[in-house]
PDB file of all heavy atoms in Angstrom:
ATOM      1  N   ASN A   1      18.361  10.777  27.210  1.00  0.00           N
ATOM      2  CA  ASN A   1      19.301  10.957  26.104  1.00  0.00           C
ATOM      3  C   ASN A   1      19.042   9.980  24.962  1.00  0.00           C
ATOM      4  O   ASN A   1      19.201  10.324  23.785  1.00  0.00           O
ATOM      5  CB  ASN A   1      20.729  10.798  26.613  1.00  0.00           C
ATOM      6  CG  ASN A   1      21.141  11.904  27.560  1.00  0.00           C
ATOM      7  OD1 ASN A   1      20.635  13.029  27.465  1.00  0.00           O
ATOM      8  ND2 ASN A   1      22.038  11.610  28.478  1.00  0.00           N
ATOM      9  N   ARG A   2      18.630   8.756  25.280  1.00  0.00           N
ATOM     10  CA  ARG A   2      18.401   7.749  24.233  1.00  0.00           C
ATOM     11  C   ARG A   2      17.153   8.030  23.419  1.00  0.00           C
ATOM     12  O   ARG A   2      17.021   7.553  22.284  1.00  0.00           O
ATOM     13  CB  ARG A   2      18.309   6.348  24.862  1.00  0.00           C
ATOM     14  CG  ARG A   2      19.582   5.841  25.498  1.00  0.00           C
ATOM     15  CD  ARG A   2      20.728   5.739  24.503  1.00  0.00           C
ATOM     16  NE  ARG A   2      21.933   5.178  25.104  1.00  0.00           N
ATOM     17  CZ  ARG A   2      22.849   5.871  25.730  1.00  0.00           C
ATOM     18  NH1 ARG A   2      22.692   7.185  25.851  1.00  0.00           N
ATOM     19  NH2 ARG A   2      23.919   5.285  26.231  1.00  0.00           N
ATOM     20  N   THR A   3      16.228   8.786  23.958  1.00  0.00           N
ATOM     21  CA  THR A   3      14.991   9.058  23.220  1.00  0.00           C
ATOM     22  C   THR A   3      15.161  10.133  22.160  1.00  0.00           C
ATOM     23  O   THR A   3      14.229  10.384  21.394  1.00  0.00           O
ATOM     24  CB  THR A   3      13.877   9.502  24.190  1.00  0.00           C
ATOM     25  OG1 THR A   3      14.353  10.574  25.016  1.00  0.00           O
ATOM     26  CG2 THR A   3      13.441   8.348  25.074  1.00  0.00           C
ATOM     27  N   HIS A   4      16.328  10.773  22.107  1.00  0.00           N
ATOM     28  CA  HIS A   4      16.546  11.797  21.084  1.00  0.00           C
ATOM     29  C   HIS A   4      16.431  11.204  19.676  1.00  0.00           C
ATOM     30  O   HIS A   4      15.883  11.834  18.771  1.00  0.00           O
ATOM     31  CB  HIS A   4      17.912  12.446  21.274  1.00  0.00           C
ATOM     32  CG  HIS A   4      17.963  13.386  22.438  1.00  0.00           C
ATOM     33  ND1 HIS A   4      17.042  14.397  22.629  1.00  0.00           N
ATOM     34  CD2 HIS A   4      18.826  13.476  23.474  1.00  0.00           C
ATOM     35  CE1 HIS A   4      17.335  15.063  23.734  1.00  0.00           C
ATOM     36  NE2 HIS A   4      18.421  14.520  24.268  1.00  0.00           N
ATOM     37  N   SER A   5      16.957  10.002  19.487  1.00  0.00           N
ATOM     38  CA  SER A   5      16.875   9.368  18.167  1.00  0.00           C
ATOM     39  C   SER A   5      15.428   9.087  17.782  1.00  0.00           C
ATOM     40  O   SER A   5      15.035   9.263  16.627  1.00  0.00           O
ATOM     41  CB  SER A   5      17.682   8.080  18.155  1.00  0.00           C
ATOM     42  OG  SER A   5      17.213   7.184  19.157  1.00  0.00           O
ATOM     43  N   LEU A   6      14.614   8.672  18.753  1.00  0.00           N
ATOM     44  CA  LEU A   6      13.201   8.419  18.479  1.00  0.00           C
ATOM     45  C   LEU A   6      12.475   9.713  18.120  1.00  0.00           C
ATOM     46  O   LEU A   6      11.593   9.725  17.250  1.00  0.00           O
ATOM     47  CB  LEU A   6      12.548   7.753  19.686  1.00  0.00           C
ATOM     48  CG  LEU A   6      11.075   7.369  19.546  1.00  0.00           C
ATOM     49  CD1 LEU A   6      10.881   6.392  18.394  1.00  0.00           C
ATOM     50  CD2 LEU A   6      10.562   6.755  20.846  1.00  0.00           C
ATOM     51  N   LYS A   7      12.849  10.799  18.759  1.00  0.00           N
ATOM     52  CA  LYS A   7      12.245  12.093  18.438  1.00  0.00           C
ATOM     53  C   LYS A   7      12.530  12.487  16.994  1.00  0.00           C
ATOM     54  O   LYS A   7      11.646  12.978  16.287  1.00  0.00           O
ATOM     55  CB  LYS A   7      12.778  13.164  19.393  1.00  0.00           C
ATOM     56  CG  LYS A   7      12.399  12.952  20.850  1.00  0.00           C
ATOM     57  CD  LYS A   7      13.094  13.950  21.746  1.00  0.00           C
ATOM     58  CE  LYS A   7      12.799  13.669  23.215  1.00  0.00           C
ATOM     59  NZ  LYS A   7      13.521  14.598  24.122  1.00  0.00           N
ATOM     60  N   PHE A   8      13.751  12.266  16.549  1.00  0.00           N
ATOM     61  CA  PHE A   8      14.104  12.619  15.176  1.00  0.00           C
ATOM     62  C   PHE A   8      13.407  11.705  14.174  1.00  0.00           C
ATOM     63  O   PHE A   8      13.102  12.138  13.061  1.00  0.00           O
ATOM     64  CB  PHE A   8      15.621  12.559  14.999  1.00  0.00           C
ATOM     65  CG  PHE A   8      16.335  13.793  15.437  1.00  0.00           C
ATOM     66  CD1 PHE A   8      16.885  13.882  16.704  1.00  0.00           C
ATOM     67  CD2 PHE A   8      16.445  14.895  14.593  1.00  0.00           C
ATOM     68  CE1 PHE A   8      17.535  15.033  17.126  1.00  0.00           C
ATOM     69  CE2 PHE A   8      17.096  16.048  14.996  1.00  0.00           C
ATOM     70  CZ  PHE A   8      17.638  16.120  16.265  1.00  0.00           C
ATOM     71  N   CYS A   9      13.157  10.457  14.554  1.00  0.00           N
ATOM     72  CA  CYS A   9      12.413   9.561  13.661  1.00  0.00           C
ATOM     73  C   CYS A   9      10.987  10.053  13.461  1.00  0.00           C
ATOM     74  O   CYS A   9      10.475  10.086  12.336  1.00  0.00           O
ATOM     75  CB  CYS A   9      12.415   8.146  14.229  1.00  0.00           C
ATOM     76  SG  CYS A   9      14.001   7.302  14.161  1.00  0.00           S
ATOM     77  N   VAL A  10      10.339  10.446  14.557  1.00  0.00           N
ATOM     78  CA  VAL A  10       8.976  10.985  14.467  1.00  0.00           C
ATOM     79  C   VAL A  10       8.967  12.265  13.649  1.00  0.00           C
ATOM     80  O   VAL A  10       8.088  12.490  12.801  1.00  0.00           O
ATOM     81  CB  VAL A  10       8.406  11.222  15.873  1.00  0.00           C
ATOM     82  CG1 VAL A  10       7.039  11.904  15.786  1.00  0.00           C
ATOM     83  CG2 VAL A  10       8.285   9.910  16.634  1.00  0.00           C
ATOM     84  N   CYS A  11       9.974  13.120  13.891  1.00  0.00           N
ATOM     85  CA  CYS A  11      10.039  14.377  13.153  1.00  0.00           C
ATOM     86  C   CYS A  11      10.311  14.139  11.678  1.00  0.00           C
ATOM     87  O   CYS A  11       9.811  14.874  10.817  1.00  0.00           O
ATOM     88  CB  CYS A  11      11.124  15.263  13.755  1.00  0.00           C
ATOM     89  SG  CYS A  11      11.205  16.900  13.010  1.00  0.00           S
ATOM     90  N   PHE A  12      11.104  13.100  11.343  1.00  0.00           N
ATOM     91  CA  PHE A  12      11.375  12.788   9.939  1.00  0.00           C
ATOM     92  C   PHE A  12      10.094  12.398   9.214  1.00  0.00           C
ATOM     93  O   PHE A  12       9.857  12.800   8.071  1.00  0.00           O
ATOM     94  CB  PHE A  12      12.402  11.656   9.855  1.00  0.00           C
ATOM     95  CG  PHE A  12      12.671  11.191   8.449  1.00  0.00           C
ATOM     96  CD1 PHE A  12      13.483  11.934   7.605  1.00  0.00           C
ATOM     97  CD2 PHE A  12      12.102  10.019   7.981  1.00  0.00           C
ATOM     98  CE1 PHE A  12      13.729  11.506   6.313  1.00  0.00           C
ATOM     99  CE2 PHE A  12      12.342   9.587   6.685  1.00  0.00           C
ATOM    100  CZ  PHE A  12      13.160  10.331   5.847  1.00  0.00           C
ATOM    101  N   ILE A  13       9.231  11.637   9.884  1.00  0.00           N
ATOM    102  CA  ILE A  13       7.949  11.252   9.284  1.00  0.00           C
ATOM    103  C   ILE A  13       7.080  12.483   9.041  1.00  0.00           C
ATOM    104  O   ILE A  13       6.478  12.643   7.974  1.00  0.00           O
ATOM    105  CB  ILE A  13       7.229  10.236  10.183  1.00  0.00           C
ATOM    106  CG1 ILE A  13       8.044   8.950  10.285  1.00  0.00           C
ATOM    107  CG2 ILE A  13       5.828   9.936   9.653  1.00  0.00           C
ATOM    108  CD1 ILE A  13       7.497   7.950  11.273  1.00  0.00           C
ATOM    109  N   LEU A  14       7.040  13.372  10.041  1.00  0.00           N
ATOM    110  CA  LEU A  14       6.260  14.604   9.871  1.00  0.00           C
ATOM    111  C   LEU A  14       6.854  15.484   8.779  1.00  0.00           C
ATOM    112  O   LEU A  14       6.122  16.127   8.017  1.00  0.00           O
ATOM    113  CB  LEU A  14       6.211  15.371  11.199  1.00  0.00           C
ATOM    114  CG  LEU A  14       5.497  14.678  12.360  1.00  0.00           C
ATOM    115  CD1 LEU A  14       5.620  15.514  13.628  1.00  0.00           C
ATOM    116  CD2 LEU A  14       4.032  14.435  12.032  1.00  0.00           C
ATOM    117  N   GLY A  15       8.183  15.520   8.710  1.00  0.00           N
ATOM    118  CA  GLY A  15       8.836  16.331   7.692  1.00  0.00           C
ATOM    119  C   GLY A  15       8.580  15.825   6.286  1.00  0.00           C
ATOM    120  O   GLY A  15       8.425  16.606   5.344  1.00  0.00           O
ATOM    121  N   GLN A  16       8.529  14.496   6.120  1.00  0.00           N
ATOM    122  CA  GLN A  16       8.226  13.929   4.807  1.00  0.00           C
ATOM    123  C   GLN A  16       6.817  14.308   4.362  1.00  0.00           C
ATOM    124  O   GLN A  16       6.588  14.647   3.193  1.00  0.00           O
ATOM    125  CB  GLN A  16       8.365  12.409   4.862  1.00  0.00           C
ATOM    126  CG  GLN A  16       9.805  11.918   4.983  1.00  0.00           C
ATOM    127  CD  GLN A  16      10.609  12.208   3.734  1.00  0.00           C
ATOM    128  OE1 GLN A  16      11.388  13.156   3.690  1.00  0.00           O
ATOM    129  NE2 GLN A  16      10.426  11.399   2.715  1.00  0.00           N
ATOM    130  N   ASP A  17       5.875  14.272   5.283  1.00  0.00           N
ATOM    131  CA  ASP A  17       4.501  14.644   4.947  1.00  0.00           C
ATOM    132  C   ASP A  17       4.415  16.120   4.589  1.00  0.00           C
ATOM    133  O   ASP A  17       3.721  16.509   3.638  1.00  0.00           O
ATOM    134  CB  ASP A  17       3.589  14.322   6.135  1.00  0.00           C
ATOM    135  CG  ASP A  17       2.127  14.626   5.835  1.00  0.00           C
ATOM    136  OD1 ASP A  17       1.540  13.961   4.962  1.00  0.00           O
ATOM    137  OD2 ASP A  17       1.570  15.543   6.473  1.00  0.00           O
ATOM    138  N   TYR A  18       5.145  16.951   5.356  1.00  0.00           N
ATOM    139  CA  TYR A  18       5.145  18.391   5.057  1.00  0.00           C
ATOM    140  C   TYR A  18       5.785  18.656   3.698  1.00  0.00           C
ATOM    141  O   TYR A  18       5.316  19.514   2.937  1.00  0.00           O
ATOM    142  CB  TYR A  18       5.900  19.139   6.152  1.00  0.00           C
ATOM    143  CG  TYR A  18       6.095  20.610   5.866  1.00  0.00           C
ATOM    144  CD1 TYR A  18       5.063  21.527   6.101  1.00  0.00           C
ATOM    145  CD2 TYR A  18       7.301  21.086   5.360  1.00  0.00           C
ATOM    146  CE1 TYR A  18       5.235  22.873   5.840  1.00  0.00           C
ATOM    147  CE2 TYR A  18       7.473  22.424   5.089  1.00  0.00           C
ATOM    148  CZ  TYR A  18       6.442  23.316   5.336  1.00  0.00           C
ATOM    149  OH  TYR A  18       6.623  24.646   5.067  1.00  0.00           O
ATOM    150  N   ARG A  19       6.837  17.911   3.384  1.00  0.00           N
ATOM    151  CA  ARG A  19       7.531  18.122   2.103  1.00  0.00           C
ATOM    152  C   ARG A  19       6.626  17.766   0.928  1.00  0.00           C
ATOM    153  O   ARG A  19       6.627  18.443  -0.111  1.00  0.00           O
ATOM    154  CB  ARG A  19       8.801  17.261   2.076  1.00  0.00           C
ATOM    155  CG  ARG A  19       9.714  17.576   0.894  1.00  0.00           C
ATOM    156  CD  ARG A  19      10.293  18.972   1.006  1.00  0.00           C
ATOM    157  NE  ARG A  19      11.013  19.352  -0.187  1.00  0.00           N
ATOM    158  CZ  ARG A  19      11.589  20.530  -0.354  1.00  0.00           C
ATOM    159  NH1 ARG A  19      11.506  21.444   0.580  1.00  0.00           N
ATOM    160  NH2 ARG A  19      12.219  20.808  -1.469  1.00  0.00           N
ATOM    161  N   LYS A  20       5.843  16.690   1.068  1.00  0.00           N
ATOM    162  CA  LYS A  20       4.924  16.308   0.006  1.00  0.00           C
ATOM    163  C   LYS A  20       3.864  17.379  -0.218  1.00  0.00           C
ATOM    164  O   LYS A  20       3.542  17.744  -1.345  1.00  0.00           O
ATOM    165  CB  LYS A  20       4.266  14.971   0.338  1.00  0.00           C
ATOM    166  CG  LYS A  20       5.216  13.785   0.291  1.00  0.00           C
ATOM    167  CD  LYS A  20       4.500  12.505   0.660  1.00  0.00           C
ATOM    168  CE  LYS A  20       5.448  11.307   0.642  1.00  0.00           C
ATOM    169  NZ  LYS A  20       4.752  10.053   1.039  1.00  0.00           N
ATOM    170  N   LYS A  21       3.313  17.899   0.881  1.00  0.00           N
ATOM    171  CA  LYS A  21       2.306  18.948   0.760  1.00  0.00           C
ATOM    172  C   LYS A  21       2.904  20.223   0.175  1.00  0.00           C
ATOM    173  O   LYS A  21       2.254  20.930  -0.593  1.00  0.00           O
ATOM    174  CB  LYS A  21       1.687  19.230   2.129  1.00  0.00           C
ATOM    175  CG  LYS A  21       0.858  18.078   2.680  1.00  0.00           C
ATOM    176  CD  LYS A  21       0.259  18.422   4.022  1.00  0.00           C
ATOM    177  CE  LYS A  21      -0.587  17.264   4.559  1.00  0.00           C
ATOM    178  NZ  LYS A  21      -1.158  17.557   5.893  1.00  0.00           N
ATOM    179  N   LEU A  22       4.162  20.498   0.552  1.00  0.00           N
ATOM    180  CA  LEU A  22       4.824  21.691   0.029  1.00  0.00           C
ATOM    181  C   LEU A  22       5.054  21.572  -1.472  1.00  0.00           C
ATOM    182  O   LEU A  22       4.789  22.518  -2.229  1.00  0.00           O
ATOM    183  CB  LEU A  22       6.159  21.891   0.752  1.00  0.00           C
ATOM    184  CG  LEU A  22       6.997  23.105   0.322  1.00  0.00           C
ATOM    185  CD1 LEU A  22       6.262  24.392   0.634  1.00  0.00           C
ATOM    186  CD2 LEU A  22       8.351  23.076   1.030  1.00  0.00           C
ATOM    187  N   ASP A  23       5.529  20.408  -1.923  1.00  0.00           N
ATOM    188  CA  ASP A  23       5.745  20.211  -3.357  1.00  0.00           C
ATOM    189  C   ASP A  23       4.422  20.273  -4.125  1.00  0.00           C
ATOM    190  O   ASP A  23       4.363  20.831  -5.236  1.00  0.00           O
ATOM    191  CB  ASP A  23       6.419  18.859  -3.598  1.00  0.00           C
ATOM    192  CG  ASP A  23       7.836  18.812  -3.035  1.00  0.00           C
ATOM    193  OD1 ASP A  23       8.430  19.891  -2.850  1.00  0.00           O
ATOM    194  OD2 ASP A  23       8.334  17.698  -2.779  1.00  0.00           O
ATOM    195  N   HIS A  24       3.374  19.745  -3.531  1.00  0.00           N
ATOM    196  CA  HIS A  24       2.061  19.789  -4.187  1.00  0.00           C
ATOM    197  C   HIS A  24       1.567  21.227  -4.310  1.00  0.00           C
ATOM    198  O   HIS A  24       1.028  21.629  -5.351  1.00  0.00           O
ATOM    199  CB  HIS A  24       1.072  18.949  -3.399  1.00  0.00           C
ATOM    200  CG  HIS A  24      -0.317  18.944  -3.970  1.00  0.00           C
ATOM    201  ND1 HIS A  24      -0.626  18.376  -5.200  1.00  0.00           N
ATOM    202  CD2 HIS A  24      -1.491  19.466  -3.492  1.00  0.00           C
ATOM    203  CE1 HIS A  24      -1.921  18.532  -5.445  1.00  0.00           C
ATOM    204  NE2 HIS A  24      -2.455  19.182  -4.432  1.00  0.00           N
ATOM    205  N   GLN A  25       1.780  22.022  -3.253  1.00  0.00           N
ATOM    206  CA  GLN A  25       1.349  23.419  -3.298  1.00  0.00           C
ATOM    207  C   GLN A  25       2.169  24.210  -4.304  1.00  0.00           C
ATOM    208  O   GLN A  25       1.649  25.091  -4.992  1.00  0.00           O
ATOM    209  CB  GLN A  25       1.476  24.039  -1.900  1.00  0.00           C
ATOM    210  CG  GLN A  25       0.929  25.456  -1.787  1.00  0.00           C
ATOM    211  CD  GLN A  25      -0.567  25.499  -2.025  1.00  0.00           C
ATOM    212  OE1 GLN A  25      -1.285  24.601  -1.593  1.00  0.00           O
ATOM    213  NE2 GLN A  25      -1.031  26.532  -2.699  1.00  0.00           N
ATOM    214  N   VAL A  26       3.459  23.895  -4.408  1.00  0.00           N
ATOM    215  CA  VAL A  26       4.300  24.583  -5.396  1.00  0.00           C
ATOM    216  C   VAL A  26       3.829  24.270  -6.807  1.00  0.00           C
ATOM    217  O   VAL A  26       3.776  25.156  -7.686  1.00  0.00           O
ATOM    218  CB  VAL A  26       5.781  24.188  -5.196  1.00  0.00           C
ATOM    219  CG1 VAL A  26       6.621  24.684  -6.357  1.00  0.00           C
ATOM    220  CG2 VAL A  26       6.309  24.750  -3.893  1.00  0.00           C
ATOM    221  N   GLU A  27       3.474  23.024  -7.070  1.00  0.00           N
ATOM    222  CA  GLU A  27       2.960  22.652  -8.389  1.00  0.00           C
ATOM    223  C   GLU A  27       1.659  23.378  -8.707  1.00  0.00           C
ATOM    224  O   GLU A  27       1.447  23.824  -9.845  1.00  0.00           O
ATOM    225  CB  GLU A  27       2.753  21.139  -8.440  1.00  0.00           C
ATOM    226  CG  GLU A  27       4.044  20.336  -8.408  1.00  0.00           C
ATOM    227  CD  GLU A  27       3.764  18.853  -8.387  1.00  0.00           C
ATOM    228  OE1 GLU A  27       2.564  18.477  -8.380  1.00  0.00           O
ATOM    229  OE2 GLU A  27       4.726  18.057  -8.370  1.00  0.00           O
ATOM    230  N   ILE A  28       0.798  23.518  -7.694  1.00  0.00           N
ATOM    231  CA  ILE A  28      -0.456  24.243  -7.911  1.00  0.00           C
ATOM    232  C   ILE A  28      -0.188  25.707  -8.233  1.00  0.00           C
ATOM    233  O   ILE A  28      -0.777  26.287  -9.156  1.00  0.00           O
ATOM    234  CB  ILE A  28      -1.369  24.113  -6.680  1.00  0.00           C
ATOM    235  CG1 ILE A  28      -1.831  22.660  -6.522  1.00  0.00           C
ATOM    236  CG2 ILE A  28      -2.568  25.042  -6.792  1.00  0.00           C
ATOM    237  CD1 ILE A  28      -2.654  22.431  -5.281  1.00  0.00           C
ATOM    238  N   ASN A  29       0.725  26.319  -7.466  1.00  0.00           N
ATOM    239  CA  ASN A  29       1.041  27.731  -7.709  1.00  0.00           C
ATOM    240  C   ASN A  29       1.661  27.949  -9.080  1.00  0.00           C
ATOM    241  O   ASN A  29       1.337  28.911  -9.782  1.00  0.00           O
ATOM    242  CB  ASN A  29       1.989  28.242  -6.617  1.00  0.00           C
ATOM    243  CG  ASN A  29       1.326  28.302  -5.255  1.00  0.00           C
ATOM    244  OD1 ASN A  29       0.099  28.326  -5.160  1.00  0.00           O
ATOM    245  ND2 ASN A  29       2.121  28.319  -4.210  1.00  0.00           N
TER     246      ASN A  29
END
């Protein structure tokens, strides 16, 4: 149960990277 917070931290890092790539692709389009 305590590792759920760590999972969301890892996912937040991945989500930030995905968001940057998404914004970059939108600018290109």
